[in-house]
C-alpha atoms as a PDB file:
ATOM      1  CA  MET A   1     -88.985  62.310  17.350  1.00  0.00           C
ATOM      2  CA  LYS A   2     -89.292  61.555  13.504  1.00  0.00           C
ATOM      3  CA  PHE A   3     -90.364  57.977  12.943  1.00  0.00           C
ATOM      4  CA  LEU A   4     -87.715  56.219  10.460  1.00  0.00           C
ATOM      5  CA  HIS A   5     -88.710  54.057   7.402  1.00  0.00           C
ATOM      6  CA  LEU A   6     -86.064  51.699   5.928  1.00  0.00           C
ATOM      7  CA  ALA A   7     -86.300  49.771   2.323  1.00  0.00           C
ATOM      8  CA  LEU A   8     -84.615  46.308   2.695  1.00  0.00           C
ATOM      9  CA  ILE A   9     -84.231  45.349  -0.832  1.00  0.00           C
ATOM     10  CA  GLY A  10     -83.633  41.797  -1.886  1.00  0.00           C
ATOM     11  CA  ASP A  11     -85.409  38.600  -2.491  1.00  0.00           C
ATOM     12  CA  TYR A  12     -86.432  37.240   0.884  1.00  0.00           C
ATOM     13  CA  SER A  13     -85.702  33.558   1.939  1.00  0.00           C
ATOM     14  CA  PRO A  14     -86.270  32.334   5.338  1.00  0.00           C
ATOM     15  CA  GLU A  15     -83.560  29.793   5.039  1.00  0.00           C
ATOM     16  CA  CYS A  16     -80.938  32.776   4.391  1.00  0.00           C
ATOM     17  CA  VAL A  17     -78.777  33.366   7.398  1.00  0.00           C
ATOM     18  CA  ALA A  18     -78.450  37.190   6.600  1.00  0.00           C
ATOM     19  CA  HIS A  19     -82.159  37.516   6.533  1.00  0.00           C
ATOM     20  CA  GLN A  20     -82.707  35.969   9.846  1.00  0.00           C
ATOM     21  CA  ALA A  21     -80.212  38.374  11.028  1.00  0.00           C
ATOM     22  CA  ILE A  22     -81.335  41.664   9.545  1.00  0.00           C
ATOM     23  CA  PRO A  23     -84.408  41.943  11.410  1.00  0.00           C
ATOM     24  CA  ARG A  24     -82.786  41.418  14.681  1.00  0.00           C
ATOM     25  CA  ALA A  25     -80.127  43.675  13.863  1.00  0.00           C
ATOM     26  CA  LEU A  26     -82.362  46.331  13.226  1.00  0.00           C
ATOM     27  CA  GLU A  27     -84.268  45.995  16.249  1.00  0.00           C
ATOM     28  CA  ARG A  28     -81.228  45.864  18.454  1.00  0.00           C
ATOM     29  CA  ALA A  29     -79.955  49.012  16.643  1.00  0.00           C
ATOM     30  CA  ARG A  30     -83.230  50.687  17.121  1.00  0.00           C
ATOM     31  CA  ALA A  31     -83.078  49.976  20.967  1.00  0.00           C
ATOM     32  CA  ASP A  32     -79.510  50.896  21.243  1.00  0.00           C
ATOM     33  CA  THR A  33     -80.065  54.333  19.277  1.00  0.00           C
ATOM     34  CA  GLY A  34     -83.585  55.263  20.669  1.00  0.00           C
ATOM     35  CA  LEU A  35     -84.700  55.863  17.435  1.00  0.00           C
ATOM     36  CA  ALA A  36     -88.153  54.621  16.339  1.00  0.00           C
ATOM     37  CA  ALA A  37     -87.830  52.849  13.005  1.00  0.00           C
ATOM     38  CA  SER A  38     -89.766  50.373  10.835  1.00  0.00           C
ATOM     39  CA  TRP A  39     -88.711  48.499   7.673  1.00  0.00           C
ATOM     40  CA  ASP A  40     -90.157  46.752   4.590  1.00  0.00           C
ATOM     41  CA  TRP A  41     -88.705  44.109   2.464  1.00  0.00           C
ATOM     42  CA  LEU A  42     -89.120  45.005  -0.969  1.00  0.00           C
ATOM     43  CA  ALA A  43     -88.674  41.984  -3.405  1.00  0.00           C
ATOM     44  CA  THR A  44     -86.586  43.221  -6.519  1.00  0.00           C
ATOM     45  CA  VAL A  45     -89.289  41.716  -8.822  1.00  0.00           C
ATOM     46  CA  SER A  46     -91.514  44.613  -7.311  1.00  0.00           C
ATOM     47  CA  LEU A  47     -89.122  47.380  -7.978  1.00  0.00           C
ATOM     48  CA  GLY A  48     -90.324  50.038 -10.286  1.00  0.00           C
ATOM     49  CA  PRO A  49     -89.407  53.625 -10.908  1.00  0.00           C
ATOM     50  CA  PRO A  50     -87.153  54.431  -7.581  1.00  0.00           C
ATOM     51  CA  GLU A  51     -88.038  58.072  -7.372  1.00  0.00           C
ATOM     52  CA  ARG A  52     -91.589  57.258  -6.731  1.00  0.00           C
ATOM     53  CA  GLN A  53     -91.583  53.817  -5.002  1.00  0.00           C
ATOM     54  CA  LEU A  54     -88.218  54.782  -2.680  1.00  0.00           C
ATOM     55  CA  ALA A  55     -89.183  58.421  -1.969  1.00  0.00           C
ATOM     56  CA  PRO A  56     -90.909  57.520   1.397  1.00  0.00           C
ATOM     57  CA  TYR A  57     -87.832  55.781   2.923  1.00  0.00           C
ATOM     58  CA  ASP A  58     -85.407  57.306   4.855  1.00  0.00           C
ATOM     59  CA  ALA A  59     -82.511  54.786   4.145  1.00  0.00           C
ATOM     60  CA  ILE A  60     -81.915  51.851   1.692  1.00  0.00           C
ATOM     61  CA  TRP A  61     -80.060  48.661   2.601  1.00  0.00           C
ATOM     62  CA  VAL A  62     -79.676  46.211  -0.359  1.00  0.00           C
ATOM     63  CA  VAL A  63     -79.248  42.951   1.390  1.00  0.00           C
ATOM     64  CA  PRO A  64     -77.463  39.744   0.661  1.00  0.00           C
ATOM     65  CA  ARG A  65     -78.590  36.690  -1.572  1.00  0.00           C
ATOM     66  CA  SER A  66     -77.771  37.361  -5.035  1.00  0.00           C
ATOM     67  CA  PRO A  67     -78.222  36.978  -8.067  1.00  0.00           C
ATOM     68  CA  TYR A  68     -81.106  38.980  -7.812  1.00  0.00           C
ATOM     69  CA  THR A  69     -84.492  38.211  -9.682  1.00  0.00           C
ATOM     70  CA  ASN A  70     -84.417  41.729 -11.184  1.00  0.00           C
ATOM     71  CA  PRO A  71     -80.756  43.141 -11.080  1.00  0.00           C
ATOM     72  CA  ALA A  72     -82.143  46.151 -13.183  1.00  0.00           C
ATOM     73  CA  GLY A  73     -84.310  47.386 -10.522  1.00  0.00           C
ATOM     74  CA  VAL A  74     -81.563  46.915  -8.086  1.00  0.00           C
ATOM     75  CA  PHE A  75     -79.167  49.034  -9.951  1.00  0.00           C
ATOM     76  CA  ALA A  76     -81.704  51.910 -10.640  1.00  0.00           C
ATOM     77  CA  ALA A  77     -82.408  51.722  -6.749  1.00  0.00           C
ATOM     78  CA  ILE A  78     -78.634  52.180  -5.990  1.00  0.00           C
ATOM     79  CA  GLU A  79     -78.123  54.991  -8.548  1.00  0.00           C
ATOM     80  CA  TRP A  80     -81.106  56.868  -6.974  1.00  0.00           C
ATOM     81  CA  ALA A  81     -79.719  56.693  -3.470  1.00  0.00           C
ATOM     82  CA  ARG A  82     -76.421  57.807  -4.746  1.00  0.00           C
ATOM     83  CA  ARG A  83     -77.642  60.575  -6.596  1.00  0.00           C
ATOM     84  CA  ILE A  84     -80.222  62.029  -4.160  1.00  0.00           C
ATOM     85  CA  ARG A  85     -77.691  61.248  -1.190  1.00  0.00           C
ATOM     86  CA  ARG A  86     -80.189  58.977   0.525  1.00  0.00           C
ATOM     87  CA  PRO A  87     -78.475  56.844   3.146  1.00  0.00           C
ATOM     88  CA  PHE A  88     -77.319  53.702   1.585  1.00  0.00           C
ATOM     89  CA  LEU A  89     -75.895  50.400   2.819  1.00  0.00           C
ATOM     90  CA  GLY A  90     -75.129  47.290   0.559  1.00  0.00           C
ATOM     91  CA  THR A  91     -73.985  44.115   2.257  1.00  0.00           C
ATOM     92  CA  CYS A  92     -72.403  41.057   0.485  1.00  0.00           C
ATOM     93  CA  GLY A  93     -74.244  40.997  -2.879  1.00  0.00           C
ATOM     94  CA  GLY A  94     -75.475  44.810  -2.431  1.00  0.00           C
ATOM     95  CA  PHE A  95     -71.791  45.608  -2.119  1.00  0.00           C
ATOM     96  CA  GLN A  96     -70.957  43.609  -5.232  1.00  0.00           C
ATOM     97  CA  HIS A  97     -73.912  45.537  -7.130  1.00  0.00           C
ATOM     98  CA  ALA A  98     -73.072  49.116  -5.736  1.00  0.00           C
ATOM     99  CA  LEU A  99     -69.405  48.429  -7.026  1.00  0.00           C
ATOM    100  CA  LEU A 100     -70.828  47.909 -10.497  1.00  0.00           C
ATOM    101  CA  GLU A 101     -73.460  50.889 -10.298  1.00  0.00           C
ATOM    102  CA  PHE A 102     -70.445  53.199  -9.289  1.00  0.00           C
ATOM    103  CA  ALA A 103     -68.154  51.656 -11.905  1.00  0.00           C
ATOM    104  CA  ARG A 104     -70.972  52.040 -14.687  1.00  0.00           C
ATOM    105  CA  HIS A 105     -72.057  55.634 -13.897  1.00  0.00           C
ATOM    106  CA  VAL A 106     -69.376  57.225 -12.211  1.00  0.00           C
ATOM    107  CA  ALA A 107     -65.997  55.519 -13.191  1.00  0.00           C
ATOM    108  CA  GLY A 108     -66.607  55.395 -16.777  1.00  0.00           C
ATOM    109  CA  LEU A 109     -66.938  51.700 -17.217  1.00  0.00           C
ATOM    110  CA  PRO A 110     -70.349  51.201 -18.666  1.00  0.00           C
ATOM    111  CA  ALA A 111     -69.510  47.405 -19.611  1.00  0.00           C
ATOM    112  CA  ALA A 112     -68.644  46.495 -16.309  1.00  0.00           C
ATOM    113  CA  GLU A 113     -70.406  43.265 -15.351  1.00  0.00           C
ATOM    114  CA  HIS A 114     -70.502  40.755 -12.582  1.00  0.00           C
ATOM    115  CA  ALA A 115     -68.843  37.344 -13.538  1.00  0.00           C
ATOM    116  CA  GLU A 116     -71.582  35.214 -12.164  1.00  0.00           C
ATOM    117  CA  ASP A 117     -73.986  36.803 -14.008  1.00  0.00           C
ATOM    118  CA  ALA A 118     -71.868  37.319 -17.387  1.00  0.00           C
ATOM    119  CA  PRO A 119     -69.133  34.942 -17.442  1.00  0.00           C
ATOM    120  CA  GLN A 120     -68.210  35.759 -20.806  1.00  0.00           C
ATOM    121  CA  THR A 121     -68.032  39.628 -20.303  1.00  0.00           C
ATOM    122  CA  PRO A 122     -64.737  41.309 -21.396  1.00  0.00           C
ATOM    123  CA  LEU A 123     -65.064  43.632 -18.431  1.00  0.00           C
ATOM    124  CA  PRO A 124     -65.314  41.571 -15.164  1.00  0.00           C
ATOM    125  CA  LEU A 125     -65.466  44.092 -12.294  1.00  0.00           C
ATOM    126  CA  VAL A 126     -66.787  41.466  -9.947  1.00  0.00           C
ATOM    127  CA  THR A 127     -65.200  38.154 -10.052  1.00  0.00           C
ATOM    128  CA  ALA A 128     -64.705  34.692  -8.271  1.00  0.00           C
ATOM    129  CA  LEU A 129     -62.669  35.128  -5.106  1.00  0.00           C
ATOM    130  CA  SER A 130     -59.320  33.089  -5.050  1.00  0.00           C
ATOM    131  CA  CYS A 131     -60.617  31.500  -1.787  1.00  0.00           C
ATOM    132  CA  GLY A 132     -64.369  31.185  -1.233  1.00  0.00           C
ATOM    133  CA  LEU A 133     -66.278  33.012   1.823  1.00  0.00           C
ATOM    134  CA  VAL A 134     -69.051  30.767   2.279  1.00  0.00           C
ATOM    135  CA  GLU A 135     -69.789  30.497   5.905  1.00  0.00           C
ATOM    136  CA  LYS A 136     -66.243  31.908   6.627  1.00  0.00           C
ATOM    137  CA  SER A 137     -65.389  34.507   9.245  1.00  0.00           C
ATOM    138  CA  GLY A 138     -62.059  36.569   9.593  1.00  0.00           C
ATOM    139  CA  ALA A 139     -60.559  39.785  10.735  1.00  0.00           C
ATOM    140  CA  VAL A 140     -61.516  42.919   8.771  1.00  0.00           C
ATOM    141  CA  HIS A 141     -58.907  46.164   9.186  1.00  0.00           C
ATOM    142  CA  PHE A 142     -60.207  49.816   8.829  1.00  0.00           C
ATOM    143  CA  ALA A 143     -58.356  52.377   6.848  1.00  0.00           C
ATOM    144  CA  PRO A 144     -57.500  55.159   9.031  1.00  0.00           C
ATOM    145  CA  GLY A 145     -59.636  58.242   8.936  1.00  0.00           C
ATOM    146  CA  SER A 146     -62.338  56.347   7.285  1.00  0.00           C
ATOM    147  CA  ARG A 147     -66.055  56.408   8.243  1.00  0.00           C
ATOM    148  CA  LEU A 148     -65.849  52.590   8.924  1.00  0.00           C
ATOM    149  CA  ARG A 149     -63.080  53.249  11.447  1.00  0.00           C
ATOM    150  CA  ALA A 150     -65.220  55.776  12.991  1.00  0.00           C
ATOM    151  CA  ILE A 151     -68.096  53.655  13.211  1.00  0.00           C
ATOM    152  CA  TYR A 152     -66.559  50.663  14.937  1.00  0.00           C
ATOM    153  CA  GLY A 153     -64.286  52.809  17.083  1.00  0.00           C
ATOM    154  CA  ARG A 154     -61.457  50.469  16.690  1.00  0.00           C
ATOM    155  CA  ASN A 155     -58.914  49.220  14.111  1.00  0.00           C
ATOM    156  CA  SER A 156     -60.252  45.926  13.268  1.00  0.00           C
ATOM    157  CA  ALA A 157     -63.396  43.520  13.744  1.00  0.00           C
ATOM    158  CA  GLU A 158     -64.298  39.826  13.238  1.00  0.00           C
ATOM    159  CA  GLU A 159     -66.852  39.625  10.650  1.00  0.00           C
ATOM    160  CA  GLY A 160     -68.716  36.638   8.951  1.00  0.00           C
ATOM    161  CA  TYR A 161     -69.162  36.035   5.019  1.00  0.00           C
ATOM    162  CA  HIS A 162     -71.182  33.876   2.519  1.00  0.00           C
ATOM    163  CA  CYS A 163     -69.989  34.868  -0.647  1.00  0.00           C
ATOM    164  CA  ASN A 164     -67.719  33.534  -3.482  1.00  0.00           C
ATOM    165  CA  TYR A 165     -67.338  36.889  -5.319  1.00  0.00           C
ATOM    166  CA  GLY A 166     -65.448  40.196  -4.882  1.00  0.00           C
ATOM    167  CA  LEU A 167     -63.862  42.963  -6.856  1.00  0.00           C
ATOM    168  CA  ASN A 168     -61.467  42.350  -9.414  1.00  0.00           C
ATOM    169  CA  ALA A 169     -58.452  44.244  -8.139  1.00  0.00           C
ATOM    170  CA  ALA A 170     -57.511  45.219 -11.826  1.00  0.00           C
ATOM    171  CA  TYR A 171     -60.144  48.006 -11.906  1.00  0.00           C
ATOM    172  CA  ARG A 172     -59.299  49.154  -8.133  1.00  0.00           C
ATOM    173  CA  ALA A 173     -57.399  52.253  -9.367  1.00  0.00           C
ATOM    174  CA  GLN A 174     -60.213  53.300 -11.750  1.00  0.00           C
ATOM    175  CA  LEU A 175     -62.729  53.089  -9.179  1.00  0.00           C
ATOM    176  CA  GLU A 176     -60.499  54.985  -6.791  1.00  0.00           C
ATOM    177  CA  ALA A 177     -59.893  57.701  -9.507  1.00  0.00           C
ATOM    178  CA  ALA A 178     -63.628  58.483  -9.617  1.00  0.00           C
ATOM    179  CA  GLY A 179     -63.845  58.781  -5.730  1.00  0.00           C
ATOM    180  CA  LEU A 180     -64.502  55.686  -4.273  1.00  0.00           C
ATOM    181  CA  ARG A 181     -62.552  54.736  -1.356  1.00  0.00           C
ATOM    182  CA  PHE A 182     -61.577  51.323  -0.095  1.00  0.00           C
ATOM    183  CA  THR A 183     -61.662  51.238   3.729  1.00  0.00           C
ATOM    184  CA  ALA A 184     -61.517  47.560   5.160  1.00  0.00           C
ATOM    185  CA  PHE A 185     -59.181  44.805   4.213  1.00  0.00           C
ATOM    186  CA  ASP A 186     -58.598  41.300   5.287  1.00  0.00           C
ATOM    187  CA  ASP A 187     -55.219  39.781   6.581  1.00  0.00           C
ATOM    188  CA  GLU A 188     -53.821  39.583   3.238  1.00  0.00           C
ATOM    189  CA  GLY A 189     -54.932  43.071   2.124  1.00  0.00           C
ATOM    190  CA  GLN A 190     -57.792  41.951   0.132  1.00  0.00           C
ATOM    191  CA  ILE A 191     -60.718  44.603  -0.303  1.00  0.00           C
ATOM    192  CA  ARG A 192     -63.841  43.895   2.182  1.00  0.00           C
ATOM    193  CA  ALA A 193     -65.392  47.145   2.234  1.00  0.00           C
ATOM    194  CA  ALA A 194     -65.921  50.737   0.363  1.00  0.00           C
ATOM    195  CA  GLU A 195     -67.468  54.005   1.103  1.00  0.00           C
ATOM    196  CA  TRP A 196     -68.072  57.207  -1.029  1.00  0.00           C
ATOM    197  CA  PRO A 197     -66.702  60.229   0.664  1.00  0.00           C
ATOM    198  CA  ASP A 198     -68.909  62.608  -1.303  1.00  0.00           C
ATOM    199  CA  HIS A 199     -72.171  61.149   0.091  1.00  0.00           C
ATOM    200  CA  PRO A 200     -73.588  61.695   3.406  1.00  0.00           C
ATOM    201  CA  PHE A 201     -73.688  57.734   4.199  1.00  0.00           C
ATOM    202  CA  PHE A 202     -72.695  55.349   1.205  1.00  0.00           C
ATOM    203  CA  LEU A 203     -70.987  52.237   2.586  1.00  0.00           C
ATOM    204  CA  GLY A 204     -70.960  48.767   1.148  1.00  0.00           C
ATOM    205  CA  THR A 205     -69.369  45.499   2.750  1.00  0.00           C
ATOM    206  CA  LEU A 206     -68.602  42.204   1.538  1.00  0.00           C
ATOM    207  CA  PHE A 207     -68.965  40.624   4.889  1.00  0.00           C
ATOM    208  CA  GLN A 208     -72.294  40.468   6.445  1.00  0.00           C
ATOM    209  CA  PRO A 209     -72.096  42.668   9.739  1.00  0.00           C
ATOM    210  CA  GLU A 210     -75.982  41.823  10.495  1.00  0.00           C
ATOM    211  CA  ARG A 211     -74.704  38.493  11.499  1.00  0.00           C
ATOM    212  CA  GLY A 212     -73.532  39.974  14.852  1.00  0.00           C
ATOM    213  CA  ALA A 213     -77.238  40.126  16.021  1.00  0.00           C
ATOM    214  CA  LEU A 214     -77.040  36.392  16.070  1.00  0.00           C
ATOM    215  CA  ARG A 215     -74.486  36.461  18.568  1.00  0.00           C
ATOM    216  CA  GLY A 216     -76.598  38.873  20.718  1.00  0.00           C
ATOM    217  CA  GLU A 217     -74.601  41.937  19.265  1.00  0.00           C
ATOM    218  CA  THR A 218     -75.814  45.327  17.850  1.00  0.00           C
ATOM    219  CA  PRO A 219     -73.752  45.614  14.441  1.00  0.00           C
ATOM    220  CA  PRO A 220     -72.280  49.129  14.482  1.00  0.00           C
ATOM    221  CA  ILE A 221     -72.913  49.665  10.804  1.00  0.00           C
ATOM    222  CA  VAL A 222     -76.485  48.893  11.233  1.00  0.00           C
ATOM    223  CA  ALA A 223     -76.864  51.584  14.305  1.00  0.00           C
ATOM    224  CA  ALA A 224     -74.876  53.840  12.098  1.00  0.00           C
ATOM    225  CA  LEU A 225     -77.562  53.428   9.146  1.00  0.00           C
ATOM    226  CA  LEU A 226     -80.380  54.319  11.383  1.00  0.00           C
ATOM    227  CA  ARG A 227     -78.597  57.553  12.748  1.00  0.00           C
ATOM    228  CA  ALA A 228     -77.875  58.596   9.401  1.00  0.00           C
ATOM    229  CA  ALA A 229     -81.436  58.023   8.285  1.00  0.00           C
ATOM    230  CA  ALA A 230     -82.324  60.150  11.277  1.00  0.00           C
ATOM    231  CA  GLY A 231     -80.142  62.952   9.566  1.00  0.00           C
ATOM    232  CA  LEU A 232     -77.644  63.362  12.345  1.00  0.00           C
ATOM    233  CA  ALA A 233     -74.580  65.459  11.033  1.00  0.00           C
ATOM    234  CA  PRO A 234     -71.189  63.699  10.345  1.00  0.00           C
ATOM    235  CA  GLN A 235     -69.897  64.846  13.565  1.00  0.00           C
ATOM    236  CA  GLU A 236     -72.482  63.453  15.272  1.00  0.00           C
ATOM    237  CA  LEU A 237     -72.432  60.196  13.553  1.00  0.00           C
ATOM    238  CA  ASP A 238     -68.786  59.779  14.145  1.00  0.00           C
ATOM    239  CA  SER A 239     -69.136  60.004  17.917  1.00  0.00           C
ATOM    240  CA  CYS A 240     -72.391  58.102  18.078  1.00  0.00           C
ATOM    241  CA  PHE A 241     -71.845  55.068  15.859  1.00  0.00           C
ATOM    242  CA  ARG A 242     -69.533  53.415  18.389  1.00  0.00           C
ATOM    243  CA  PRO A 243     -71.035  50.612  20.601  1.00  0.00           C
ATOM    244  CA  ARG A 244     -72.088  51.740  24.105  1.00  0.00           C
ATOM    245  CA  ALA A 245     -69.037  50.028  25.920  1.00  0.00           C
ATOM    246  CA  ILE A 246     -66.706  51.654  23.746  1.00  0.00           C
ATOM    247  CA  ARG A 247     -68.057  55.062  24.180  1.00  0.00           C
ATOM    248  CA  ALA A 248     -67.864  54.805  27.843  1.00  0.00           C
ATOM    249  CA  ALA A 249     -64.470  53.615  27.802  1.00  0.00           C
ATOM    250  CA  SER A 250     -63.728  56.520  25.948  1.00  0.00           C
ATOM    251  CA  ALA A 251     -65.280  58.951  28.211  1.00  0.00           C
ATOM    252  CA  SER A 252     -63.638  57.623  31.080  1.00  0.00           C
ATOM    253  CA  ALA A 253     -60.290  58.132  29.672  1.00  0.00           C
ATOM    254  CA  GLY A 254     -61.140  61.475  28.501  1.00  0.00           C
ATOM    255  CA  ARG A 255     -60.381  60.725  24.577  1.00  0.00           C
ATOM    256  CA  ARG A 256     -61.674  58.748  21.687  1.00  0.00           C
ATOM    257  CA  PRO A 257     -59.917  55.553  20.930  1.00  0.00           C
END
């Protein structure tokens, strides 16, 4: 069996709840999937040319806690994962930066900025949320036919947040026209996740799915990332990503939920 290596890109802090949760989430996903895996935390200040530094890794996860010390390095890592089709997950700040990278290099918005980093920007792609989500939780609803819907094996889930910024809805149509698909929404229809269908595994969530590990649960997205890193085909991913209890119930009923 292939031994997997994952890069966790972000500026680690032991006080950050998401950073406490991520190793536990990976440990649970490793046990549930039966895949052998290890991971390295890469501080953003240490990031160099991704084609050399990140080539040994089977998947890239840009983790929460932004602003990052070296945002240019983060953007280069995301672009590299997108271009060479390496499995990629961005959560919270990682999702925000994936939106910016996609906007600048795919959607024809090279001046796109994050309002927290550039408050005077004329193109604020990521802006302050109308209602902050620091240490909040709520329902997220998955779009029919989406990879996230297949991963979770159900229409919605309860997830936690620690953020104050999200996509500026004024630019949604331009990102969608470039191929990005928004696939999770809160109860009011606000965007909470995106995926790029032209990539084997390119997902970003404003919520922090890793927090499920702190409740003794295996986050489905994290198990999905490991399976994608192992190179499973899309049809295998969609059937294998769902939690074991859901798979068992589906099998007994003779159909997928």
